[in-house]
Protein backbone atom coordinates (compact mmCIF):
# COMPACT_ATOMS: atom_id res chain seq x y z
CA MET A 1 165.73 -102.34 273.98
CA GLY A 2 163.45 -105.12 275.26
CA CYS A 3 160.15 -104.87 277.10
CA SER A 4 159.19 -106.81 280.20
CA ALA A 5 156.03 -108.91 280.33
CA SER A 6 154.40 -106.39 282.68
CA GLN A 7 155.11 -103.57 280.20
CA LEU A 8 153.52 -105.56 277.39
CA GLU A 9 150.44 -106.25 279.49
CA GLN A 10 150.22 -102.53 280.30
CA ALA A 11 150.45 -101.66 276.59
CA LYS A 12 147.57 -104.00 275.77
CA LYS A 13 145.24 -101.74 277.75
CA TYR A 14 145.56 -99.13 275.02
CA LEU A 15 144.74 -101.53 272.20
CA PRO A 16 141.16 -101.99 270.95
CA GLY A 17 139.44 -105.23 271.89
CA ARG A 18 139.16 -107.27 275.04
CA LYS A 19 141.99 -107.17 277.50
CA GLY A 20 144.42 -110.05 277.15
CA GLU A 21 142.74 -111.56 274.07
CA ALA A 22 143.74 -111.50 270.44
CA ARG A 23 141.33 -109.34 268.44
CA HIS A 24 140.02 -110.77 265.17
CA ASP A 25 139.68 -108.69 262.03
CA ILE A 26 137.63 -108.87 258.84
CA ASP A 27 140.20 -111.17 257.21
CA ASP A 28 139.08 -113.82 259.69
CA MET A 29 135.48 -113.60 258.49
CA PRO A 30 135.42 -116.95 256.60
CA ASP A 31 136.64 -118.74 259.72
CA ILE A 32 134.15 -116.85 261.90
CA LEU A 33 131.23 -117.75 259.63
CA GLN A 34 132.32 -121.39 259.61
CA LYS A 35 132.47 -121.51 263.42
CA LEU A 36 129.09 -119.77 263.74
CA THR A 37 127.48 -122.21 261.34
CA ALA A 38 129.03 -125.27 262.96
CA ALA A 39 128.38 -124.26 266.60
CA LYS A 40 125.80 -126.48 268.27
CA GLN A 41 126.73 -126.43 271.96
CA ASN A 42 126.85 -123.33 274.18
CA ALA A 43 130.63 -123.55 274.58
CA ALA A 44 131.20 -123.43 270.81
CA ALA A 45 128.57 -120.70 270.43
CA LYS A 46 130.34 -118.52 273.02
CA VAL A 47 133.65 -118.79 271.17
CA ALA A 48 132.07 -118.03 267.79
CA LEU A 49 130.05 -115.10 269.15
CA LYS A 50 133.12 -113.53 270.77
CA MET A 51 134.93 -113.78 267.44
CA LEU A 52 131.98 -112.17 265.64
CA LEU A 53 131.80 -109.36 268.21
CA ASP A 54 135.31 -108.29 267.17
CA VAL A 55 134.20 -107.51 263.62
CA ALA A 56 130.40 -107.17 263.79
CA GLU A 57 130.38 -103.36 263.66
CA THR A 58 132.02 -103.32 260.20
CA GLU A 59 129.89 -103.08 257.08
CA MET A 60 131.75 -105.98 255.43
CA ALA A 61 130.88 -108.28 258.33
CA SER A 62 127.24 -107.26 258.16
CA SER A 63 127.15 -107.98 254.42
CA ALA A 64 128.89 -111.34 254.84
CA VAL A 65 126.48 -112.45 257.56
CA VAL A 66 123.35 -111.61 255.56
CA ARG A 67 124.80 -113.23 252.43
CA SER A 68 125.59 -116.46 254.26
CA GLY A 69 121.88 -117.10 254.82
CA LYS A 70 122.64 -119.41 257.76
CA VAL A 71 124.05 -117.15 260.46
CA VAL A 72 121.08 -114.83 261.06
CA PRO A 73 118.68 -117.69 262.03
CA LYS A 74 121.30 -119.01 264.48
CA LEU A 75 121.81 -115.56 266.04
CA VAL A 76 118.06 -115.12 266.45
CA ALA A 77 117.80 -118.58 268.03
CA TRP A 78 120.66 -117.84 270.44
CA VAL A 79 118.84 -114.70 271.61
CA SER A 80 116.30 -117.16 273.08
CA SER A 81 119.03 -119.25 274.77
CA LYS A 82 118.75 -120.02 278.46
CA ASP A 83 122.45 -119.29 278.86
CA PRO A 84 122.64 -115.55 279.77
CA GLU A 85 126.11 -115.09 278.23
CA VAL A 86 125.09 -116.64 274.90
CA LYS A 87 121.87 -114.64 274.94
CA ALA A 88 123.55 -111.28 275.66
CA ASN A 89 126.42 -111.79 273.19
CA ALA A 90 124.04 -112.91 270.43
CA LEU A 91 121.92 -109.82 271.01
CA ASN A 92 125.00 -107.55 270.99
CA CYS A 93 126.08 -109.11 267.70
CA CYS A 94 122.60 -108.50 266.27
CA ALA A 95 122.84 -104.86 267.37
CA LEU A 96 126.24 -104.24 265.76
CA LEU A 97 125.29 -106.05 262.54
CA SER A 98 122.17 -103.86 262.26
CA MET A 99 124.13 -100.61 262.08
CA HIS A 100 124.64 -100.68 258.31
CA ASP A 101 122.30 -100.57 255.34
CA THR A 102 123.12 -104.09 254.16
CA GLY A 103 119.76 -105.79 254.69
CA CYS A 104 121.01 -107.48 257.86
CA ALA A 105 118.85 -105.37 260.19
CA GLU A 106 115.73 -106.25 258.22
CA GLU A 107 116.58 -109.96 258.34
CA ILE A 108 117.20 -109.94 262.08
CA ALA A 109 114.46 -107.60 263.31
CA THR A 110 111.30 -109.53 262.52
CA PRO A 111 108.16 -108.40 264.40
CA GLU A 112 108.44 -111.43 266.69
CA PHE A 113 112.11 -110.74 267.42
CA LEU A 114 111.41 -107.07 268.21
CA THR A 115 108.61 -107.99 270.62
CA GLN A 116 110.90 -110.48 272.34
CA VAL A 117 113.72 -107.96 272.72
CA GLY A 118 111.29 -105.22 273.78
CA ASN A 119 110.08 -107.35 276.68
CA MET A 120 113.63 -107.77 277.95
CA TYR A 121 113.36 -104.44 279.79
CA LYS A 122 111.78 -106.54 282.57
CA ALA A 123 114.87 -108.74 282.86
CA LYS A 124 116.49 -108.85 286.29
CA ASP A 125 119.84 -109.53 284.62
CA LYS A 126 121.35 -106.08 284.12
CA LYS A 127 123.51 -107.21 281.19
CA LEU A 128 120.50 -108.59 279.35
CA ALA A 129 118.49 -105.39 279.80
CA GLU A 130 121.53 -103.41 278.60
CA ALA A 131 121.89 -105.67 275.55
CA ALA A 132 118.21 -105.13 274.67
CA ALA A 133 118.57 -101.34 274.97
CA PHE A 134 121.84 -101.52 273.03
CA PHE A 135 120.06 -103.30 270.17
CA PHE A 136 117.48 -100.51 269.84
CA SER A 137 120.23 -97.88 270.06
CA LYS A 138 121.83 -99.40 266.96
CA ALA A 139 118.84 -100.68 264.95
CA GLY A 140 116.32 -97.95 265.79
CA GLY A 141 117.51 -95.72 262.97
CA ASN A 142 116.79 -98.29 260.24
CA LYS A 143 113.69 -97.26 258.28
CA THR A 144 112.17 -100.74 258.03
CA VAL A 145 112.96 -101.64 261.65
CA ARG A 146 111.50 -98.31 262.80
CA GLN A 147 108.22 -99.05 261.04
CA ARG A 148 108.04 -102.57 262.51
CA ILE A 149 108.68 -101.19 266.00
CA LEU A 150 105.84 -98.69 265.62
CA ASP A 151 103.45 -101.16 263.99
CA GLY A 152 104.03 -103.69 266.76
CA GLY A 153 103.76 -101.16 269.59
CA VAL A 154 107.30 -102.05 270.68
CA HIS A 155 108.06 -98.33 271.14
CA LYS A 156 106.11 -98.59 274.44
CA GLN A 157 108.59 -101.16 275.72
CA LEU A 158 111.45 -98.97 274.51
CA TRP A 159 109.97 -96.06 276.46
CA MET A 160 110.05 -98.25 279.59
CA MET A 161 113.78 -98.73 278.96
CA VAL A 162 114.17 -94.96 278.73
CA LYS A 163 112.52 -94.65 282.15
CA SER A 164 114.65 -97.44 283.65
CA LYS A 165 116.34 -96.76 286.98
CA LYS A 166 119.43 -98.47 285.62
CA GLU A 167 121.48 -95.59 284.24
CA SER A 168 123.14 -97.61 281.46
CA VAL A 169 119.79 -99.01 280.25
CA MET A 170 118.19 -95.56 280.38
CA LYS A 171 121.00 -94.00 278.35
CA LEU A 172 120.97 -96.66 275.62
CA GLY A 173 117.17 -96.64 275.55
CA LEU A 174 117.22 -92.86 275.14
CA ILE A 175 119.55 -93.14 272.15
CA GLY A 176 117.26 -95.75 270.60
CA TYR A 177 114.16 -93.63 271.25
CA SER A 178 115.84 -90.58 269.71
CA LYS A 179 116.74 -92.56 266.59
CA LEU A 180 113.20 -93.89 266.41
CA ALA A 181 111.87 -90.31 266.39
CA ASP A 182 114.07 -89.34 263.42
CA ASP A 183 111.11 -89.28 261.04
CA PRO A 184 108.10 -86.89 261.05
CA VAL A 185 105.53 -89.70 260.85
CA ALA A 186 107.29 -91.65 263.63
CA ALA A 187 107.45 -88.49 265.76
CA GLU A 188 103.68 -88.04 265.41
CA LYS A 189 103.14 -91.68 266.39
CA LEU A 190 105.32 -91.35 269.50
CA CYS A 191 103.27 -88.35 270.62
CA GLU A 192 99.93 -90.15 270.43
CA ASP A 193 100.01 -91.37 274.04
CA ASP A 194 100.97 -89.14 276.96
CA VAL A 195 102.86 -86.28 275.34
CA GLU A 196 102.92 -84.31 278.60
CA GLU A 197 104.77 -87.13 280.36
CA LEU A 198 107.21 -87.23 277.44
CA VAL A 199 107.93 -83.50 277.69
CA LYS A 200 108.27 -83.58 281.48
CA PHE A 201 110.67 -86.53 281.45
CA LEU A 202 112.97 -85.09 278.78
CA PHE A 203 113.16 -81.61 280.31
CA ILE A 204 113.72 -82.91 283.84
CA ARG A 205 116.67 -84.90 282.52
CA ILE A 206 117.95 -81.89 280.57
CA ALA A 207 117.81 -79.74 283.71
CA LYS A 208 119.18 -82.20 286.28
CA THR A 209 121.61 -84.59 284.60
CA ASP A 210 125.36 -84.19 284.98
CA ASP A 211 125.99 -86.55 282.06
CA THR A 212 126.55 -84.44 278.94
CA ASP A 213 125.72 -87.40 276.68
CA VAL A 214 122.32 -87.85 278.33
CA GLU A 215 121.65 -84.13 278.02
CA LYS A 216 122.66 -84.20 274.35
CA TRP A 217 120.44 -87.16 273.49
CA CYS A 218 117.50 -85.66 275.38
CA LEU A 219 117.91 -82.49 273.31
CA ILE A 220 118.19 -84.57 270.13
CA ALA A 221 114.96 -86.36 271.06
CA VAL A 222 113.26 -83.00 271.65
CA ALA A 223 114.55 -81.73 268.30
CA ARG A 224 113.19 -84.71 266.38
CA LEU A 225 109.89 -84.86 268.25
CA SER A 226 109.42 -81.13 267.57
CA LEU A 227 108.39 -82.05 264.03
CA ALA A 228 105.19 -83.43 265.60
CA THR A 229 102.55 -80.71 265.89
CA GLU A 230 101.23 -82.05 269.21
CA PHE A 231 104.69 -82.06 270.76
CA GLY A 232 105.41 -78.49 269.64
CA ASN A 233 102.09 -77.25 270.95
CA LYS A 234 102.72 -78.95 274.29
CA LEU A 235 106.17 -77.35 274.55
CA ALA A 236 104.53 -73.97 274.01
CA ALA A 237 101.76 -74.70 276.52
CA MET A 238 104.29 -75.84 279.16
CA ASP A 239 106.48 -72.80 278.47
CA LYS A 240 109.61 -74.76 277.54
CA PHE A 241 110.85 -72.44 274.77
CA GLY A 242 112.97 -70.47 277.24
CA VAL A 243 114.95 -73.60 278.18
CA LEU A 244 115.63 -74.39 274.53
CA PHE A 245 116.83 -70.87 273.78
CA VAL A 246 119.18 -70.90 276.78
CA LYS A 247 120.72 -74.14 275.50
CA ALA A 248 120.79 -72.89 271.89
CA ASN A 249 122.78 -69.81 272.97
CA ASP A 250 125.31 -71.91 274.87
CA THR A 251 128.93 -72.06 273.72
CA ILE A 252 129.13 -75.87 273.94
CA ALA A 253 128.39 -77.26 270.48
CA GLY A 254 126.94 -80.56 271.76
CA ARG A 255 124.31 -78.56 273.64
CA LYS A 256 123.81 -75.67 271.21
CA LEU A 257 123.30 -77.66 268.01
CA PRO A 258 120.42 -79.99 269.04
CA ALA A 259 118.64 -77.15 270.89
CA ALA A 260 118.89 -74.92 267.80
CA LEU A 261 117.66 -77.80 265.65
CA ALA A 262 114.63 -78.14 267.95
CA ILE A 263 113.86 -74.44 267.40
CA ALA A 264 114.29 -74.83 263.64
CA ASN A 265 111.92 -77.82 263.60
CA LEU A 266 109.37 -76.02 265.79
CA ALA A 267 109.28 -73.31 263.12
CA THR A 268 107.54 -75.77 260.76
CA ASN A 269 104.46 -75.10 262.91
CA LYS A 270 103.16 -71.78 261.58
CA MET A 271 101.24 -71.15 264.82
CA LEU A 272 104.52 -71.02 266.78
CA ARG A 273 106.61 -68.81 264.50
CA VAL A 274 105.74 -65.43 265.99
CA ARG A 275 106.47 -66.73 269.47
CA LEU A 276 109.84 -68.07 268.33
CA ILE A 277 110.65 -64.70 266.76
CA LYS A 278 109.93 -63.02 270.10
CA TYR A 279 112.57 -65.28 271.64
CA ARG A 280 115.00 -63.92 268.98
CA ALA A 281 115.10 -67.02 266.79
CA LEU A 282 116.16 -65.05 263.70
CA GLN A 283 119.09 -63.48 265.55
CA LEU A 284 120.14 -66.94 266.76
CA PHE A 285 120.23 -68.35 263.23
CA VAL A 286 121.99 -65.31 261.78
CA GLU A 287 124.71 -65.68 264.43
CA MET A 288 125.06 -69.41 263.73
CA SER A 289 125.40 -68.73 259.99
CA LYS A 290 128.63 -66.82 260.61
CA VAL A 291 130.57 -69.99 261.41
CA SER A 292 133.19 -70.55 258.72
CA SER A 293 133.64 -73.75 256.74
CA ASN A 294 136.97 -74.24 258.54
CA ALA A 295 135.32 -74.40 261.96
CA ARG A 296 135.81 -77.25 264.40
CA ARG A 297 134.11 -80.49 263.40
CA ASP A 298 131.51 -80.20 266.17
CA MET A 299 130.52 -76.75 264.82
CA GLN A 300 130.35 -77.56 261.12
CA ASP A 301 126.60 -78.24 261.21
CA PHE A 302 125.79 -74.78 262.58
CA GLN A 303 125.18 -73.30 259.13
CA ARG A 304 122.96 -76.21 258.11
CA VAL A 305 120.70 -75.72 261.13
CA ALA A 306 120.72 -71.94 260.61
CA ALA A 307 119.64 -72.31 256.97
CA LEU A 308 116.91 -74.78 257.96
CA GLY A 309 115.62 -72.46 260.68
CA ILE A 310 115.51 -69.41 258.42
CA ARG A 311 113.82 -71.46 255.70
CA ASN A 312 111.07 -72.56 258.09
CA LEU A 313 110.54 -69.13 259.64
CA ALA A 314 110.40 -67.48 256.19
CA GLY A 315 107.22 -69.41 255.41
CA SER A 316 105.13 -66.68 257.09
CA PHE A 317 104.45 -63.56 255.03
CA ASP A 318 104.51 -61.19 258.02
CA LEU A 319 108.00 -62.32 259.00
CA ARG A 320 109.62 -61.78 255.59
CA ALA A 321 109.75 -57.99 255.91
CA LEU A 322 111.15 -58.37 259.44
CA ALA A 323 113.85 -60.74 258.20
CA GLY A 324 115.07 -58.10 255.75
CA ARG A 325 115.98 -55.81 258.65
CA MET A 326 117.91 -58.31 260.78
CA GLY A 327 120.77 -59.38 258.54
CA VAL A 328 118.93 -62.52 257.47
CA LEU A 329 119.25 -61.79 253.74
CA GLU A 330 123.01 -61.40 253.93
CA ALA A 331 123.22 -64.63 255.95
CA VAL A 332 121.19 -66.50 253.33
CA ALA A 333 123.34 -65.15 250.49
CA LYS A 334 126.44 -66.35 252.34
CA MET A 335 125.04 -69.83 252.99
CA LEU A 336 124.10 -70.22 249.31
CA ARG A 337 127.84 -70.42 248.65
CA CYS A 338 128.37 -73.15 251.27
CA LYS A 339 129.97 -76.38 250.02
CA ASP A 340 127.57 -78.46 252.11
CA LEU A 341 124.67 -79.31 249.77
CA ASP A 342 122.04 -79.47 252.51
CA THR A 343 122.99 -76.01 253.76
CA ALA A 344 122.92 -74.57 250.24
CA ARG A 345 119.57 -76.25 249.51
CA PHE A 346 117.94 -74.94 252.69
CA ALA A 347 119.35 -71.48 251.93
CA ALA A 348 117.90 -71.65 248.39
CA LYS A 349 114.47 -72.51 249.81
CA ALA A 350 114.80 -69.62 252.26
CA ALA A 351 115.73 -67.30 249.36
CA ALA A 352 112.65 -68.46 247.44
CA GLU A 353 110.39 -67.68 250.42
CA LEU A 354 112.06 -64.38 251.39
CA SER A 355 112.08 -63.05 247.81
CA LEU A 356 108.27 -63.14 247.74
CA HIS A 357 108.66 -59.82 249.55
CA GLU A 358 109.70 -57.47 246.74
CA GLU A 359 112.28 -55.45 248.68
CA ASN A 360 113.96 -58.63 249.89
CA GLY A 361 114.39 -59.83 246.30
CA ARG A 362 116.45 -56.80 245.35
CA LYS A 363 118.53 -56.96 248.54
CA LEU A 364 119.30 -60.64 247.99
CA VAL A 365 120.56 -59.92 244.48
CA LEU A 366 122.72 -57.05 245.76
CA ALA A 367 124.10 -59.44 248.42
CA GLY A 368 125.26 -61.80 245.65
CA ALA A 369 122.56 -64.47 245.71
CA LEU A 370 122.16 -64.89 241.92
CA LYS A 371 125.51 -66.46 241.00
CA PRO A 372 125.40 -69.35 243.50
CA LEU A 373 121.73 -69.97 242.68
CA ILE A 374 122.50 -70.13 238.94
CA ASP A 375 125.38 -72.55 239.60
CA MET A 376 123.12 -74.64 241.84
CA ALA A 377 120.37 -74.71 239.22
CA LYS A 378 122.64 -76.46 236.75
CA SER A 379 124.53 -78.59 239.30
CA GLY A 380 122.80 -81.86 238.46
CA ASP A 381 121.70 -82.44 242.07
CA ALA A 382 117.92 -83.03 241.89
CA TYR A 383 117.08 -81.40 245.23
CA CYS A 384 119.38 -78.40 244.85
CA GLU A 385 118.23 -77.78 241.26
CA THR A 386 114.58 -77.70 242.26
CA GLU A 387 115.04 -75.22 245.10
CA ALA A 388 117.45 -73.01 243.13
CA VAL A 389 115.19 -72.67 240.07
CA ALA A 390 112.21 -71.85 242.31
CA ALA A 391 114.26 -69.11 244.00
CA LEU A 392 115.43 -67.70 240.66
CA ALA A 393 111.85 -67.59 239.37
CA ASN A 394 110.94 -65.34 242.30
CA LEU A 395 114.06 -63.19 242.09
CA VAL A 396 113.77 -62.15 238.43
CA MET A 397 110.57 -60.18 238.85
CA GLY A 398 112.17 -56.72 238.76
CA ASP A 399 113.96 -55.04 235.83
CA ASP A 400 117.20 -54.50 237.75
CA ASN A 401 117.28 -58.12 238.90
CA GLN A 402 116.67 -59.33 235.35
CA LYS A 403 119.61 -57.32 234.06
CA GLN A 404 121.82 -58.79 236.78
CA PHE A 405 120.47 -62.27 236.00
CA ALA A 406 121.51 -61.92 232.35
CA LYS A 407 124.89 -60.48 233.37
CA GLU A 408 125.57 -63.48 235.67
CA GLY A 409 124.98 -65.93 232.80
CA GLY A 410 121.40 -66.72 233.64
CA MET A 411 120.17 -67.09 230.05
CA ALA A 412 122.74 -69.79 229.30
CA ALA A 413 121.78 -71.54 232.54
CA ILE A 414 118.13 -71.59 231.48
CA GLU A 415 119.06 -73.66 228.42
CA VAL A 416 120.71 -76.23 230.71
CA MET A 417 117.67 -76.25 233.02
CA THR A 418 115.22 -76.93 230.19
CA LEU A 419 117.25 -80.05 229.28
CA SER A 420 117.19 -81.38 232.85
CA LYS A 421 115.78 -84.87 233.46
CA ASN A 422 114.14 -83.54 236.61
CA PRO A 423 110.49 -82.69 235.68
CA ARG A 424 110.21 -80.15 238.48
CA VAL A 425 113.30 -78.32 237.22
CA GLN A 426 111.87 -78.32 233.68
CA HIS A 427 108.57 -76.96 234.99
CA ASN A 428 110.26 -74.21 237.02
CA ALA A 429 112.58 -73.37 234.12
CA LYS A 430 109.55 -72.83 231.86
CA ARG A 431 107.99 -70.75 234.61
CA LEU A 432 111.18 -68.69 234.79
CA ILE A 433 111.16 -68.16 231.02
CA SER A 434 107.50 -67.12 231.16
CA ARG A 435 108.24 -64.60 233.88
CA LEU A 436 111.14 -63.16 231.91
CA ARG A 437 108.96 -62.84 228.83
CA LEU A 438 106.15 -61.33 230.86
CA ALA A 439 108.59 -58.88 232.38
CA LYS A 440 109.85 -57.92 228.88
CA MET A 441 106.29 -57.43 227.68
CA ARG A 442 105.56 -55.34 230.75
CA THR A 443 108.68 -53.27 230.12
CA ALA A 444 107.74 -52.86 226.46
CA ALA A 445 104.21 -51.88 227.39
CA THR A 446 105.50 -49.37 229.94
CA PHE A 447 107.89 -47.93 227.34
CA ALA A 448 105.10 -47.71 224.76
CA ALA A 449 102.84 -46.01 227.27
CA GLN A 450 105.59 -43.51 228.09
CA MET A 451 106.17 -42.79 224.38
CA ALA A 452 102.43 -42.35 223.80
CA ALA A 453 102.23 -39.97 226.74
CA GLN A 454 105.17 -37.96 225.43
CA GLN A 455 103.64 -37.75 221.95
CA LYS A 456 100.34 -36.67 223.44
CA GLU A 457 102.09 -33.99 225.47
CA LEU A 458 103.97 -32.74 222.40
CA ARG A 459 100.73 -32.66 220.40
CA ARG A 460 99.04 -30.71 223.15
CA LYS A 461 101.90 -28.21 223.22
CA ARG A 462 101.83 -27.79 219.44
CA GLU A 463 98.11 -27.25 219.51
CA ALA A 464 98.47 -24.71 222.28
CA MET A 465 101.17 -22.87 220.34
CA GLY A 466 99.07 -22.93 217.17
CA TYR A 467 96.08 -21.63 219.06
CA VAL A 468 98.14 -18.77 220.49
CA GLY A 469 99.62 -17.93 217.07
CA GLY A 470 96.18 -17.89 215.40
CA ASP A 471 94.85 -15.49 218.02
């Protein structure tokens, strides 16, 4: 059965790429590179840039461009072109090529280039301003680019994009700003200016926007900035915790997850922990920990955030006893068995902190925490090993826990730990052995003291009987 021309045109709407044009793929990369290198006039540059746009978001294209050594300088030069189409397309290519960890972002985003792109927020051409914001939305997460943006003060221009009245520029700028904040040091830097304005802007958008993507990225920005002490203190001073807890208790995952992450990050500030507990932060994280590993994709990070939140809140001594009465210990024991390594690692750190309260240590063992911690301690993953051995060292303080530790194969695991190439694991393994030996010596001393007391009592009774008989 044949198809009419109109039907074919209609079908093209559902294909990726530009309407009515053949889309190039990575197999065309040699030809694309050749055209990019050879292009001298604007007409040839437009054709080559459109071809590159078809494949620029792939990692292979990014690697090929940086390896060529000739394309990046041409792209950077075209960003300064007087032709608005060449300029915008070159900048869009730079953005897409900067998505991957291939070295391309570092080659493109020189301090001079970043300053130039940052100043494009003033452009009257809407497409050019969008292209500038789009670049930061893609390159802002690169570690080297992030540092150059902060060092050059370009984050101030990016903030102007976030405040743009053009909705598309604002949205892309917000994504870029959120990615820029995805580092504790960067978050502190971003809060050095007017942190109150920052808080007001983000929470006004959260409250008033009808765009769920804008709301989500505002919440993500709040979550990442919450690692900055000044930002967390300002949230507390402006009484914004209630808003975050309303969002964190929502049923929509795109709203719940970043809000809960903000609460988890705020818990790194020990001065805010009691206040977060009063808002029922522990109950929130316990509830989130109940999500199964077979949950929807948008809910699969719930346990990771829950483990992180409990880990941070458990850093305060006064809260450890409270945690033991709210189902937190059972939640931690469950998350220790999670297949996600980050979740298991955060749970191990939480177990290490919570077990500093003696009653919690016994309850964690009864909840089944030892076996997954022992398996984690000999897993070979440097981060998981370190946290697991630290937790085990705290858990084996009591006699009953030591017996369970030996029963779960702990002694054999210690041999593996002592051979680890991770110096922290070796150190904690030796500490664990010392604690076991100390506990044995304490048990032996207690037993000897009991025997001595019994012998003394028997001697006293014999003497009393002899005294009575002699009388």
